[in-house]
Amino acid sequence: MRKDGNEEVRPDSTATESDSNWFAVYTTSRHEKRIAQHMVQREIHHYLPLYRADRKWRDGSKVTLELPLFPSYIFVRITRSERVSVLSVPGALALVGGTGGEPAPLPDRAIESLIVGLREHRIEPHPLLRIGQMVRIHSGAFAGMEGVVVRRKSGCRVVLTLEQIMQSVAVEVNEDDLESVRQDSKITCYPLEAGGRFCWREAS
């Protein structure tokens, strides 16, 4: 069974979860949905997270659109042998790389949290932040993940950053679900070929 939108699309495959990893695919801008449709047809296990945004046209009419949460990126769970199939999809430009020209796998936890979190929370893109109070979310779909607190008049938001693709999202949370980050939290980092590091902080 396959679903579009925020649902993870799984093909019928003999590959096990341990054989495959999540990767970010850099795509042609504004063609993410069409590329996802091609992946459905080719039975490539992928995930295109979408969020809802209200827009107002010039004639005054309003419409709610479903837009990519991370513009120009789609996530795929593939084995090494499936990389060629992914890059043969029209509009799929490259697998985001790590060291030595090899694609850099994403932590399963990051994608799993997105899948569940988009069902339970209001999430939208947010400009990449480097400063602010660091906190850990201790309950819900994003439990264990850390980000920067952004306060708004209507409530509290935490900006979570996926360092590998340099993209951030803002998640609405209850302030009671946050705790300060301890300095001794375990951090795992992977150097990126293009410069910088992809870091994942684990809950202690």
N, C-alpha and C. Protein backbone atom coordinates (compact mmCIF):
# COMPACT_ATOMS: atom_id res chain seq x y z
N MET A 1 0.84 -1.20 0.00
CA MET A 1 0.00 0.00 0.00
C MET A 1 0.87 1.25 0.00
N ARG A 2 0.54 2.20 -0.87
CA ARG A 2 1.32 3.42 -0.96
C ARG A 2 0.44 4.63 -0.74
N LYS A 3 0.98 5.63 -0.09
CA LYS A 3 0.26 6.87 0.13
C LYS A 3 1.17 8.03 -0.26
N ASP A 4 0.56 9.10 -0.74
CA ASP A 4 1.33 10.29 -1.09
C ASP A 4 1.42 11.22 0.11
N GLY A 5 2.03 12.40 -0.11
CA GLY A 5 2.08 13.39 0.95
C GLY A 5 3.11 13.04 1.99
N ASN A 6 2.69 13.11 3.27
CA ASN A 6 3.64 12.92 4.35
C ASN A 6 3.85 11.46 4.72
N GLU A 7 3.28 10.56 3.97
CA GLU A 7 3.44 9.16 4.31
C GLU A 7 4.71 8.59 3.68
N GLU A 8 5.37 7.75 4.42
CA GLU A 8 6.54 7.07 3.91
C GLU A 8 6.07 6.06 2.87
N VAL A 9 6.73 6.01 1.72
CA VAL A 9 6.33 5.12 0.64
C VAL A 9 7.28 3.94 0.60
N ARG A 10 6.74 2.75 0.83
CA ARG A 10 7.54 1.54 0.86
C ARG A 10 7.24 0.66 -0.34
N PRO A 11 8.25 0.24 -1.09
CA PRO A 11 8.02 -0.67 -2.20
C PRO A 11 8.01 -2.10 -1.72
N ASP A 12 7.59 -3.00 -2.58
CA ASP A 12 7.71 -4.42 -2.29
C ASP A 12 9.14 -4.81 -2.59
N SER A 13 9.91 -5.14 -1.58
CA SER A 13 11.33 -5.38 -1.77
C SER A 13 11.81 -6.48 -0.85
N THR A 14 12.85 -7.18 -1.29
CA THR A 14 13.42 -8.25 -0.47
C THR A 14 14.50 -7.71 0.46
N ALA A 15 14.87 -6.44 0.27
CA ALA A 15 15.90 -5.83 1.13
C ALA A 15 15.36 -5.64 2.53
N THR A 16 16.18 -5.95 3.52
CA THR A 16 15.77 -5.77 4.90
C THR A 16 16.18 -4.39 5.37
N GLU A 17 15.61 -3.96 6.51
CA GLU A 17 15.93 -2.65 7.05
C GLU A 17 17.42 -2.53 7.34
N SER A 18 18.06 -3.63 7.76
CA SER A 18 19.47 -3.57 8.11
C SER A 18 20.35 -3.44 6.88
N ASP A 19 19.83 -3.79 5.70
CA ASP A 19 20.60 -3.69 4.46
C ASP A 19 20.61 -2.27 3.91
N SER A 20 19.68 -1.45 4.35
CA SER A 20 19.50 -0.14 3.73
C SER A 20 19.68 0.99 4.74
N ASN A 21 19.85 2.20 4.20
CA ASN A 21 19.99 3.40 5.02
C ASN A 21 19.22 4.54 4.38
N TRP A 22 18.90 5.55 5.20
CA TRP A 22 18.26 6.75 4.70
C TRP A 22 19.32 7.69 4.15
N PHE A 23 19.02 8.30 3.01
CA PHE A 23 19.88 9.30 2.41
C PHE A 23 19.04 10.48 1.95
N ALA A 24 19.66 11.65 1.87
CA ALA A 24 18.99 12.82 1.31
C ALA A 24 19.36 12.93 -0.16
N VAL A 25 18.35 13.13 -1.00
CA VAL A 25 18.56 13.31 -2.43
C VAL A 25 18.31 14.76 -2.79
N TYR A 26 19.30 15.39 -3.39
CA TYR A 26 19.14 16.77 -3.85
C TYR A 26 18.42 16.75 -5.19
N THR A 27 17.34 17.54 -5.32
CA THR A 27 16.49 17.47 -6.50
C THR A 27 16.34 18.82 -7.20
N THR A 28 15.77 18.76 -8.39
CA THR A 28 15.43 19.98 -9.10
C THR A 28 14.41 20.78 -8.28
N SER A 29 14.62 22.07 -8.17
CA SER A 29 13.74 22.91 -7.37
C SER A 29 12.31 22.90 -7.90
N ARG A 30 11.35 22.83 -6.99
CA ARG A 30 9.92 22.88 -7.28
C ARG A 30 9.40 21.70 -8.08
N HIS A 31 10.16 20.62 -8.11
CA HIS A 31 9.72 19.41 -8.80
C HIS A 31 9.69 18.22 -7.84
N GLU A 32 9.71 18.49 -6.54
CA GLU A 32 9.81 17.41 -5.57
C GLU A 32 8.65 16.42 -5.67
N LYS A 33 7.43 16.91 -5.83
CA LYS A 33 6.27 16.02 -5.88
C LYS A 33 6.30 15.13 -7.13
N ARG A 34 6.68 15.72 -8.25
CA ARG A 34 6.76 14.94 -9.48
C ARG A 34 7.84 13.87 -9.38
N ILE A 35 8.96 14.24 -8.75
CA ILE A 35 10.04 13.26 -8.56
C ILE A 35 9.58 12.14 -7.64
N ALA A 36 8.81 12.49 -6.60
CA ALA A 36 8.27 11.47 -5.70
C ALA A 36 7.35 10.51 -6.46
N GLN A 37 6.57 11.03 -7.40
CA GLN A 37 5.69 10.17 -8.21
C GLN A 37 6.50 9.19 -9.04
N HIS A 38 7.60 9.66 -9.60
CA HIS A 38 8.48 8.76 -10.36
C HIS A 38 9.02 7.66 -9.45
N MET A 39 9.33 8.01 -8.21
CA MET A 39 9.87 7.02 -7.28
C MET A 39 8.82 5.98 -6.91
N VAL A 40 7.56 6.42 -6.82
CA VAL A 40 6.48 5.47 -6.58
C VAL A 40 6.42 4.47 -7.72
N GLN A 41 6.46 4.96 -8.95
CA GLN A 41 6.39 4.10 -10.12
C GLN A 41 7.55 3.12 -10.18
N ARG A 42 8.70 3.55 -9.70
CA ARG A 42 9.89 2.69 -9.75
C ARG A 42 10.09 1.90 -8.46
N GLU A 43 9.12 2.02 -7.55
CA GLU A 43 9.14 1.28 -6.28
C GLU A 43 10.41 1.56 -5.47
N ILE A 44 10.75 2.82 -5.40
CA ILE A 44 11.88 3.26 -4.57
C ILE A 44 11.33 3.73 -3.23
N HIS A 45 11.82 3.17 -2.17
CA HIS A 45 11.39 3.51 -0.81
C HIS A 45 11.83 4.95 -0.51
N HIS A 46 10.86 5.87 -0.37
CA HIS A 46 11.20 7.27 -0.20
C HIS A 46 10.24 7.96 0.75
N TYR A 47 10.60 9.19 1.11
CA TYR A 47 9.77 10.00 2.00
C TYR A 47 9.90 11.46 1.62
N LEU A 48 8.79 12.08 1.29
CA LEU A 48 8.74 13.51 0.97
C LEU A 48 7.87 14.19 2.02
N PRO A 49 8.48 14.77 3.06
CA PRO A 49 7.68 15.46 4.09
C PRO A 49 7.08 16.74 3.55
N LEU A 50 5.78 16.93 3.79
CA LEU A 50 5.06 18.11 3.34
C LEU A 50 4.43 18.84 4.52
N TYR A 51 4.23 20.13 4.38
CA TYR A 51 3.51 20.90 5.39
C TYR A 51 2.46 21.74 4.70
N ARG A 52 1.46 22.17 5.45
CA ARG A 52 0.37 22.97 4.89
C ARG A 52 0.62 24.45 5.12
N ALA A 53 0.41 25.22 4.07
CA ALA A 53 0.62 26.66 4.14
C ALA A 53 -0.55 27.38 3.49
N ASP A 54 -1.04 28.42 4.14
CA ASP A 54 -2.13 29.23 3.59
C ASP A 54 -1.55 30.31 2.69
N ARG A 55 -2.12 30.44 1.50
CA ARG A 55 -1.67 31.44 0.55
C ARG A 55 -2.86 32.27 0.07
N LYS A 56 -2.59 33.51 -0.28
CA LYS A 56 -3.63 34.40 -0.78
C LYS A 56 -3.25 34.85 -2.17
N TRP A 57 -4.15 34.59 -3.15
CA TRP A 57 -3.89 34.97 -4.52
C TRP A 57 -4.18 36.47 -4.71
N ARG A 58 -3.78 36.98 -5.88
CA ARG A 58 -3.96 38.40 -6.17
C ARG A 58 -5.43 38.80 -6.22
N ASP A 59 -6.30 37.85 -6.56
CA ASP A 59 -7.73 38.18 -6.62
C ASP A 59 -8.39 38.14 -5.25
N GLY A 60 -7.61 37.91 -4.20
CA GLY A 60 -8.14 37.89 -2.85
C GLY A 60 -8.55 36.52 -2.35
N SER A 61 -8.62 35.54 -3.23
CA SER A 61 -9.00 34.19 -2.81
C SER A 61 -7.89 33.54 -2.01
N LYS A 62 -8.27 32.64 -1.11
CA LYS A 62 -7.31 31.95 -0.26
C LYS A 62 -7.30 30.46 -0.58
N VAL A 63 -6.15 29.86 -0.43
CA VAL A 63 -6.00 28.44 -0.71
C VAL A 63 -4.97 27.86 0.26
N THR A 64 -5.14 26.58 0.61
CA THR A 64 -4.17 25.88 1.45
C THR A 64 -3.38 24.93 0.57
N LEU A 65 -2.07 25.09 0.58
CA LEU A 65 -1.19 24.28 -0.25
C LEU A 65 -0.39 23.31 0.60
N GLU A 66 -0.02 22.19 0.01
CA GLU A 66 0.91 21.26 0.63
C GLU A 66 2.26 21.45 -0.06
N LEU A 67 3.25 21.91 0.70
CA LEU A 67 4.55 22.25 0.15
C LEU A 67 5.65 21.40 0.79
N PRO A 68 6.75 21.17 0.09
CA PRO A 68 7.86 20.40 0.66
C PRO A 68 8.42 21.09 1.90
N LEU A 69 8.60 20.33 2.95
CA LEU A 69 9.17 20.87 4.18
C LEU A 69 10.63 21.27 3.97
N PHE A 70 11.34 20.49 3.16
CA PHE A 70 12.73 20.78 2.83
C PHE A 70 12.83 20.95 1.32
N PRO A 71 12.68 22.18 0.82
CA PRO A 71 12.71 22.40 -0.63
C PRO A 71 13.98 21.83 -1.27
N SER A 72 13.77 21.14 -2.40
CA SER A 72 14.86 20.53 -3.19
C SER A 72 15.46 19.29 -2.56
N TYR A 73 14.75 18.67 -1.60
CA TYR A 73 15.25 17.43 -1.01
C TYR A 73 14.14 16.40 -0.85
N ILE A 74 14.48 15.15 -1.14
CA ILE A 74 13.63 13.99 -0.87
C ILE A 74 14.51 12.97 -0.16
N PHE A 75 13.94 12.23 0.76
CA PHE A 75 14.69 11.21 1.48
C PHE A 75 14.37 9.83 0.91
N VAL A 76 15.40 9.01 0.76
CA VAL A 76 15.21 7.64 0.26
C VAL A 76 15.88 6.66 1.20
N ARG A 77 15.27 5.49 1.33
CA ARG A 77 15.91 4.41 2.10
C ARG A 77 16.28 3.33 1.10
N ILE A 78 17.56 3.18 0.86
CA ILE A 78 18.03 2.30 -0.20
C ILE A 78 19.26 1.51 0.24
N THR A 79 19.55 0.48 -0.54
CA THR A 79 20.80 -0.27 -0.39
C THR A 79 21.82 0.33 -1.36
N ARG A 80 23.06 -0.08 -1.21
CA ARG A 80 24.12 0.43 -2.09
C ARG A 80 23.79 0.18 -3.56
N SER A 81 23.23 -0.98 -3.87
CA SER A 81 22.96 -1.33 -5.27
C SER A 81 21.83 -0.51 -5.88
N GLU A 82 21.04 0.18 -5.04
CA GLU A 82 19.91 0.95 -5.55
C GLU A 82 20.25 2.41 -5.86
N ARG A 83 21.47 2.81 -5.60
CA ARG A 83 21.85 4.21 -5.82
C ARG A 83 21.67 4.62 -7.28
N VAL A 84 22.06 3.74 -8.20
CA VAL A 84 21.95 4.06 -9.63
C VAL A 84 20.49 4.28 -10.01
N SER A 85 19.59 3.46 -9.45
CA SER A 85 18.17 3.60 -9.75
C SER A 85 17.63 4.94 -9.29
N VAL A 86 18.09 5.39 -8.12
CA VAL A 86 17.63 6.68 -7.59
C VAL A 86 18.09 7.81 -8.49
N LEU A 87 19.35 7.79 -8.90
CA LEU A 87 19.90 8.88 -9.70
C LEU A 87 19.43 8.86 -11.15
N SER A 88 18.76 7.76 -11.54
CA SER A 88 18.19 7.71 -12.88
C SER A 88 16.80 8.32 -12.94
N VAL A 89 16.24 8.67 -11.77
CA VAL A 89 14.93 9.32 -11.72
C VAL A 89 15.07 10.75 -12.23
N PRO A 90 14.23 11.16 -13.19
CA PRO A 90 14.30 12.53 -13.70
C PRO A 90 14.17 13.57 -12.57
N GLY A 91 15.12 14.47 -12.47
CA GLY A 91 15.07 15.50 -11.45
C GLY A 91 15.85 15.18 -10.20
N ALA A 92 16.27 13.92 -10.02
CA ALA A 92 17.11 13.54 -8.88
C ALA A 92 18.56 13.84 -9.25
N LEU A 93 19.15 14.85 -8.63
CA LEU A 93 20.45 15.34 -9.07
C LEU A 93 21.63 14.66 -8.39
N ALA A 94 21.53 14.38 -7.09
CA ALA A 94 22.67 13.80 -6.38
C ALA A 94 22.24 13.32 -5.01
N LEU A 95 22.95 12.31 -4.51
CA LEU A 95 22.83 11.90 -3.11
C LEU A 95 23.77 12.79 -2.31
N VAL A 96 23.27 13.36 -1.22
CA VAL A 96 24.10 14.25 -0.41
C VAL A 96 25.30 13.48 0.12
N GLY A 97 26.50 14.01 -0.13
CA GLY A 97 27.72 13.28 0.13
C GLY A 97 28.31 13.48 1.50
N GLY A 98 29.20 12.56 1.84
CA GLY A 98 29.94 12.64 3.08
C GLY A 98 31.42 12.64 2.76
N THR A 99 32.19 11.77 3.40
CA THR A 99 33.63 11.71 3.17
C THR A 99 33.94 10.83 1.97
N GLY A 100 35.03 11.17 1.29
CA GLY A 100 35.49 10.33 0.19
C GLY A 100 34.52 10.21 -0.97
N GLY A 101 33.61 11.17 -1.09
CA GLY A 101 32.66 11.13 -2.20
C GLY A 101 31.51 10.17 -1.99
N GLU A 102 31.47 9.49 -0.86
CA GLU A 102 30.40 8.55 -0.56
C GLU A 102 29.18 9.28 0.00
N PRO A 103 27.96 8.86 -0.35
CA PRO A 103 26.76 9.45 0.25
C PRO A 103 26.78 9.26 1.76
N ALA A 104 26.29 10.25 2.48
CA ALA A 104 26.28 10.20 3.94
C ALA A 104 24.92 9.75 4.45
N PRO A 105 24.82 8.60 5.12
CA PRO A 105 23.52 8.14 5.62
C PRO A 105 23.00 9.02 6.74
N LEU A 106 21.69 9.13 6.82
CA LEU A 106 21.02 9.89 7.88
C LEU A 106 20.63 8.94 9.01
N PRO A 107 20.62 9.42 10.25
CA PRO A 107 20.16 8.58 11.36
C PRO A 107 18.69 8.20 11.18
N ASP A 108 18.36 6.95 11.41
CA ASP A 108 16.97 6.50 11.31
C ASP A 108 16.07 7.35 12.19
N ARG A 109 16.57 7.73 13.36
CA ARG A 109 15.78 8.48 14.32
C ARG A 109 15.29 9.80 13.74
N ALA A 110 16.12 10.45 12.93
CA ALA A 110 15.74 11.74 12.37
C ALA A 110 14.53 11.61 11.45
N ILE A 111 14.53 10.60 10.58
CA ILE A 111 13.42 10.42 9.64
C ILE A 111 12.19 9.90 10.36
N GLU A 112 12.38 8.97 11.29
CA GLU A 112 11.25 8.43 12.05
C GLU A 112 10.54 9.54 12.81
N SER A 113 11.30 10.47 13.39
CA SER A 113 10.71 11.58 14.12
C SER A 113 9.92 12.49 13.20
N LEU A 114 10.43 12.72 11.99
CA LEU A 114 9.70 13.55 11.03
C LEU A 114 8.37 12.91 10.65
N ILE A 115 8.40 11.61 10.37
CA ILE A 115 7.20 10.90 9.94
C ILE A 115 6.11 10.99 11.01
N VAL A 116 6.49 10.68 12.26
CA VAL A 116 5.51 10.72 13.35
C VAL A 116 5.17 12.16 13.72
N GLY A 117 6.18 13.01 13.76
CA GLY A 117 5.97 14.39 14.19
C GLY A 117 5.04 15.17 13.30
N LEU A 118 5.11 14.94 11.98
CA LEU A 118 4.23 15.66 11.06
C LEU A 118 2.77 15.27 11.24
N ARG A 119 2.53 14.12 11.80
CA ARG A 119 1.15 13.69 12.08
C ARG A 119 0.63 14.35 13.35
N GLU A 120 1.53 14.65 14.29
CA GLU A 120 1.10 15.08 15.62
C GLU A 120 1.33 16.57 15.90
N HIS A 121 2.16 17.23 15.11
CA HIS A 121 2.52 18.62 15.40
C HIS A 121 2.37 19.48 14.15
N ARG A 122 2.28 20.77 14.40
CA ARG A 122 2.35 21.74 13.31
C ARG A 122 3.82 22.05 13.08
N ILE A 123 4.29 21.77 11.88
CA ILE A 123 5.69 21.96 11.55
C ILE A 123 5.79 22.78 10.27
N GLU A 124 6.74 23.69 10.23
CA GLU A 124 6.93 24.51 9.03
C GLU A 124 8.41 24.83 8.90
N PRO A 125 8.87 25.20 7.69
CA PRO A 125 10.28 25.55 7.51
C PRO A 125 10.65 26.75 8.36
N HIS A 126 11.92 26.84 8.68
CA HIS A 126 12.40 27.95 9.49
C HIS A 126 13.81 28.28 9.06
N PRO A 127 14.18 29.57 9.02
CA PRO A 127 15.55 29.94 8.67
C PRO A 127 16.54 29.24 9.60
N LEU A 128 17.66 28.82 9.03
CA LEU A 128 18.69 28.14 9.80
C LEU A 128 19.20 29.04 10.91
N LEU A 129 19.21 28.51 12.15
CA LEU A 129 19.67 29.28 13.31
C LEU A 129 20.92 28.67 13.90
N ARG A 130 21.77 29.50 14.42
CA ARG A 130 22.99 29.02 15.07
C ARG A 130 23.08 29.51 16.52
N ILE A 131 22.20 30.41 16.93
CA ILE A 131 22.28 30.95 18.27
C ILE A 131 20.95 30.75 18.97
N GLY A 132 20.95 30.90 20.28
CA GLY A 132 19.72 30.73 21.05
C GLY A 132 19.87 29.64 22.09
N GLN A 133 18.87 29.50 22.92
CA GLN A 133 18.90 28.50 23.99
C GLN A 133 18.68 27.11 23.43
N MET A 134 19.60 26.22 23.76
CA MET A 134 19.49 24.83 23.32
C MET A 134 18.69 24.03 24.35
N VAL A 135 17.70 23.28 23.85
CA VAL A 135 16.88 22.46 24.74
C VAL A 135 16.68 21.09 24.12
N ARG A 136 16.25 20.16 24.97
CA ARG A 136 15.89 18.82 24.51
C ARG A 136 14.40 18.61 24.72
N ILE A 137 13.74 18.04 23.72
CA ILE A 137 12.33 17.68 23.85
C ILE A 137 12.26 16.32 24.53
N HIS A 138 11.53 16.23 25.64
CA HIS A 138 11.57 14.98 26.42
C HIS A 138 10.31 14.14 26.32
N SER A 139 9.36 14.52 25.46
CA SER A 139 8.17 13.67 25.29
C SER A 139 7.60 13.89 23.89
N GLY A 140 6.80 12.93 23.44
CA GLY A 140 6.19 13.04 22.13
C GLY A 140 7.05 12.46 21.02
N ALA A 141 6.66 12.71 19.77
CA ALA A 141 7.35 12.14 18.62
C ALA A 141 8.81 12.56 18.52
N PHE A 142 9.12 13.77 19.01
CA PHE A 142 10.48 14.29 18.89
C PHE A 142 11.29 14.12 20.18
N ALA A 143 10.84 13.26 21.05
CA ALA A 143 11.56 13.03 22.31
C ALA A 143 13.01 12.64 22.04
N GLY A 144 13.93 13.31 22.76
CA GLY A 144 15.34 13.02 22.61
C GLY A 144 16.04 13.94 21.63
N MET A 145 15.27 14.66 20.82
CA MET A 145 15.88 15.56 19.85
C MET A 145 16.10 16.93 20.47
N GLU A 146 17.09 17.64 19.95
CA GLU A 146 17.45 18.93 20.52
C GLU A 146 17.40 20.02 19.47
N GLY A 147 17.12 21.24 19.92
CA GLY A 147 17.05 22.36 19.00
C GLY A 147 17.11 23.68 19.73
N VAL A 148 16.85 24.73 19.00
CA VAL A 148 16.92 26.09 19.52
C VAL A 148 15.52 26.59 19.82
N VAL A 149 15.33 27.18 20.99
CA VAL A 149 14.03 27.71 21.38
C VAL A 149 13.77 29.02 20.65
N VAL A 150 12.57 29.12 20.08
CA VAL A 150 12.11 30.36 19.47
C VAL A 150 10.76 30.68 20.09
N ARG A 151 10.64 31.80 20.74
CA ARG A 151 9.39 32.16 21.39
C ARG A 151 8.56 33.05 20.47
N ARG A 152 7.27 32.73 20.40
CA ARG A 152 6.35 33.55 19.63
C ARG A 152 5.20 33.95 20.53
N LYS A 153 4.45 34.96 20.11
CA LYS A 153 3.34 35.43 20.93
C LYS A 153 2.34 34.33 21.21
N SER A 154 2.16 33.42 20.23
CA SER A 154 1.15 32.37 20.38
C SER A 154 1.65 31.15 21.14
N GLY A 155 2.95 31.12 21.46
CA GLY A 155 3.44 29.95 22.18
C GLY A 155 4.93 29.77 22.01
N CYS A 156 5.37 28.53 22.14
CA CYS A 156 6.80 28.21 22.12
C CYS A 156 7.09 27.27 20.96
N ARG A 157 8.17 27.56 20.27
CA ARG A 157 8.60 26.70 19.17
C ARG A 157 10.06 26.32 19.37
N VAL A 158 10.39 25.13 18.86
CA VAL A 158 11.78 24.67 18.88
C VAL A 158 12.20 24.46 17.44
N VAL A 159 13.32 25.05 17.07
CA VAL A 159 13.85 24.89 15.72
C VAL A 159 14.82 23.71 15.71
N LEU A 160 14.49 22.69 14.92
CA LEU A 160 15.33 21.51 14.77
C LEU A 160 16.07 21.62 13.44
N THR A 161 17.35 21.33 13.45
CA THR A 161 18.17 21.47 12.25
C THR A 161 18.73 20.14 11.80
N LEU A 162 18.56 19.83 10.52
CA LEU A 162 19.18 18.67 9.90
C LEU A 162 20.47 19.17 9.26
N GLU A 163 21.57 19.02 9.98
CA GLU A 163 22.83 19.64 9.59
C GLU A 163 23.29 19.19 8.21
N GLN A 164 23.00 17.96 7.84
CA GLN A 164 23.53 17.41 6.61
C GLN A 164 23.06 18.18 5.38
N ILE A 165 21.82 18.64 5.39
CA ILE A 165 21.31 19.39 4.26
C ILE A 165 21.12 20.87 4.60
N MET A 166 21.58 21.25 5.80
CA MET A 166 21.53 22.66 6.24
C MET A 166 20.12 23.22 6.11
N GLN A 167 19.15 22.50 6.65
CA GLN A 167 17.75 22.91 6.62
C GLN A 167 17.19 22.82 8.03
N SER A 168 16.28 23.75 8.37
CA SER A 168 15.68 23.77 9.70
C SER A 168 14.16 23.78 9.60
N VAL A 169 13.51 23.24 10.64
CA VAL A 169 12.06 23.29 10.75
C VAL A 169 11.71 23.77 12.14
N ALA A 170 10.56 24.44 12.26
CA ALA A 170 10.09 24.92 13.56
C ALA A 170 8.91 24.06 14.00
N VAL A 171 9.00 23.52 15.20
CA VAL A 171 7.98 22.63 15.75
C VAL A 171 7.30 23.29 16.94
N GLU A 172 5.98 23.34 16.93
CA GLU A 172 5.24 23.88 18.07
C GLU A 172 5.23 22.86 19.19
N VAL A 173 5.66 23.25 20.37
CA VAL A 173 5.73 22.34 21.51
C VAL A 173 5.21 23.03 22.76
N ASN A 174 4.88 22.21 23.75
CA ASN A 174 4.50 22.71 25.06
C ASN A 174 5.78 22.97 25.84
N GLU A 175 5.86 24.12 26.47
CA GLU A 175 7.08 24.47 27.20
C GLU A 175 7.40 23.45 28.29
N ASP A 176 6.37 22.78 28.81
CA ASP A 176 6.60 21.77 29.84
C ASP A 176 7.32 20.54 29.30
N ASP A 177 7.35 20.39 27.97
CA ASP A 177 8.00 19.24 27.35
C ASP A 177 9.47 19.48 27.03
N LEU A 178 10.01 20.61 27.50
CA LEU A 178 11.39 20.97 27.20
C LEU A 178 12.27 20.92 28.44
N GLU A 179 13.53 20.61 28.23
CA GLU A 179 14.50 20.64 29.31
C GLU A 179 15.82 21.18 28.75
N SER A 180 16.59 21.80 29.60
CA SER A 180 17.87 22.36 29.18
C SER A 180 18.82 21.24 28.76
N VAL A 181 19.66 21.53 27.79
CA VAL A 181 20.62 20.55 27.30
C VAL A 181 21.81 20.48 28.25
N ARG A 182 22.18 19.28 28.62
CA ARG A 182 23.36 19.09 29.46
C ARG A 182 24.60 19.08 28.59
N GLN A 183 25.66 19.65 29.09
CA GLN A 183 26.88 19.77 28.31
C GLN A 183 27.57 18.43 28.07
N ASP A 184 27.22 17.40 28.87
CA ASP A 184 27.89 16.12 28.70
C ASP A 184 27.11 15.16 27.81
N SER A 185 26.11 15.68 27.07
CA SER A 185 25.37 14.83 26.14
C SER A 185 26.32 14.28 25.09
N LYS A 186 26.06 13.06 24.66
CA LYS A 186 26.90 12.42 23.65
C LYS A 186 26.61 13.01 22.28
N ILE A 187 27.66 13.42 21.57
CA ILE A 187 27.50 13.98 20.23
C ILE A 187 28.32 13.13 19.25
N THR A 188 27.66 12.66 18.20
CA THR A 188 28.33 11.92 17.14
C THR A 188 28.38 12.80 15.91
N CYS A 189 29.57 13.02 15.34
CA CYS A 189 29.73 13.90 14.19
C CYS A 189 30.39 13.16 13.04
N TYR A 190 29.97 13.51 11.83
CA TYR A 190 30.55 12.96 10.62
C TYR A 190 31.01 14.13 9.74
N PRO A 191 32.26 14.13 9.31
CA PRO A 191 32.73 15.22 8.43
C PRO A 191 32.07 15.13 7.07
N LEU A 192 31.77 16.26 6.46
CA LEU A 192 31.15 16.32 5.15
C LEU A 192 32.18 16.76 4.13
N GLU A 193 32.10 16.15 2.95
CA GLU A 193 33.06 16.44 1.89
C GLU A 193 33.03 17.92 1.51
N ALA A 194 31.82 18.50 1.52
CA ALA A 194 31.68 19.89 1.11
C ALA A 194 32.11 20.87 2.20
N GLY A 195 32.49 20.33 3.34
CA GLY A 195 32.88 21.19 4.45
C GLY A 195 31.88 21.11 5.58
N GLY A 196 32.33 21.35 6.80
CA GLY A 196 31.45 21.28 7.95
C GLY A 196 31.26 19.85 8.43
N ARG A 197 30.33 19.68 9.35
CA ARG A 197 30.06 18.36 9.92
C ARG A 197 28.57 18.16 10.08
N PHE A 198 28.16 16.90 10.01
CA PHE A 198 26.79 16.51 10.32
C PHE A 198 26.83 15.91 11.71
N CYS A 199 26.20 16.57 12.68
CA CYS A 199 26.27 16.14 14.07
C CYS A 199 24.91 15.69 14.58
N TRP A 200 24.91 14.65 15.39
CA TRP A 200 23.70 14.10 15.97
C TRP A 200 23.92 13.94 17.46
N ARG A 201 23.17 14.67 18.28
CA ARG A 201 23.34 14.62 19.74
C ARG A 201 22.34 13.61 20.30
N GLU A 202 22.84 12.69 21.10
CA GLU A 202 22.01 11.65 21.67
C GLU A 202 21.61 12.02 23.09
N ALA A 203 20.37 11.66 23.43
CA ALA A 203 19.91 11.91 24.80
C ALA A 203 20.71 11.08 25.76
N SER A 204 21.11 11.69 26.90
CA SER A 204 21.91 10.97 27.87
C SER A 204 21.00 10.20 28.82
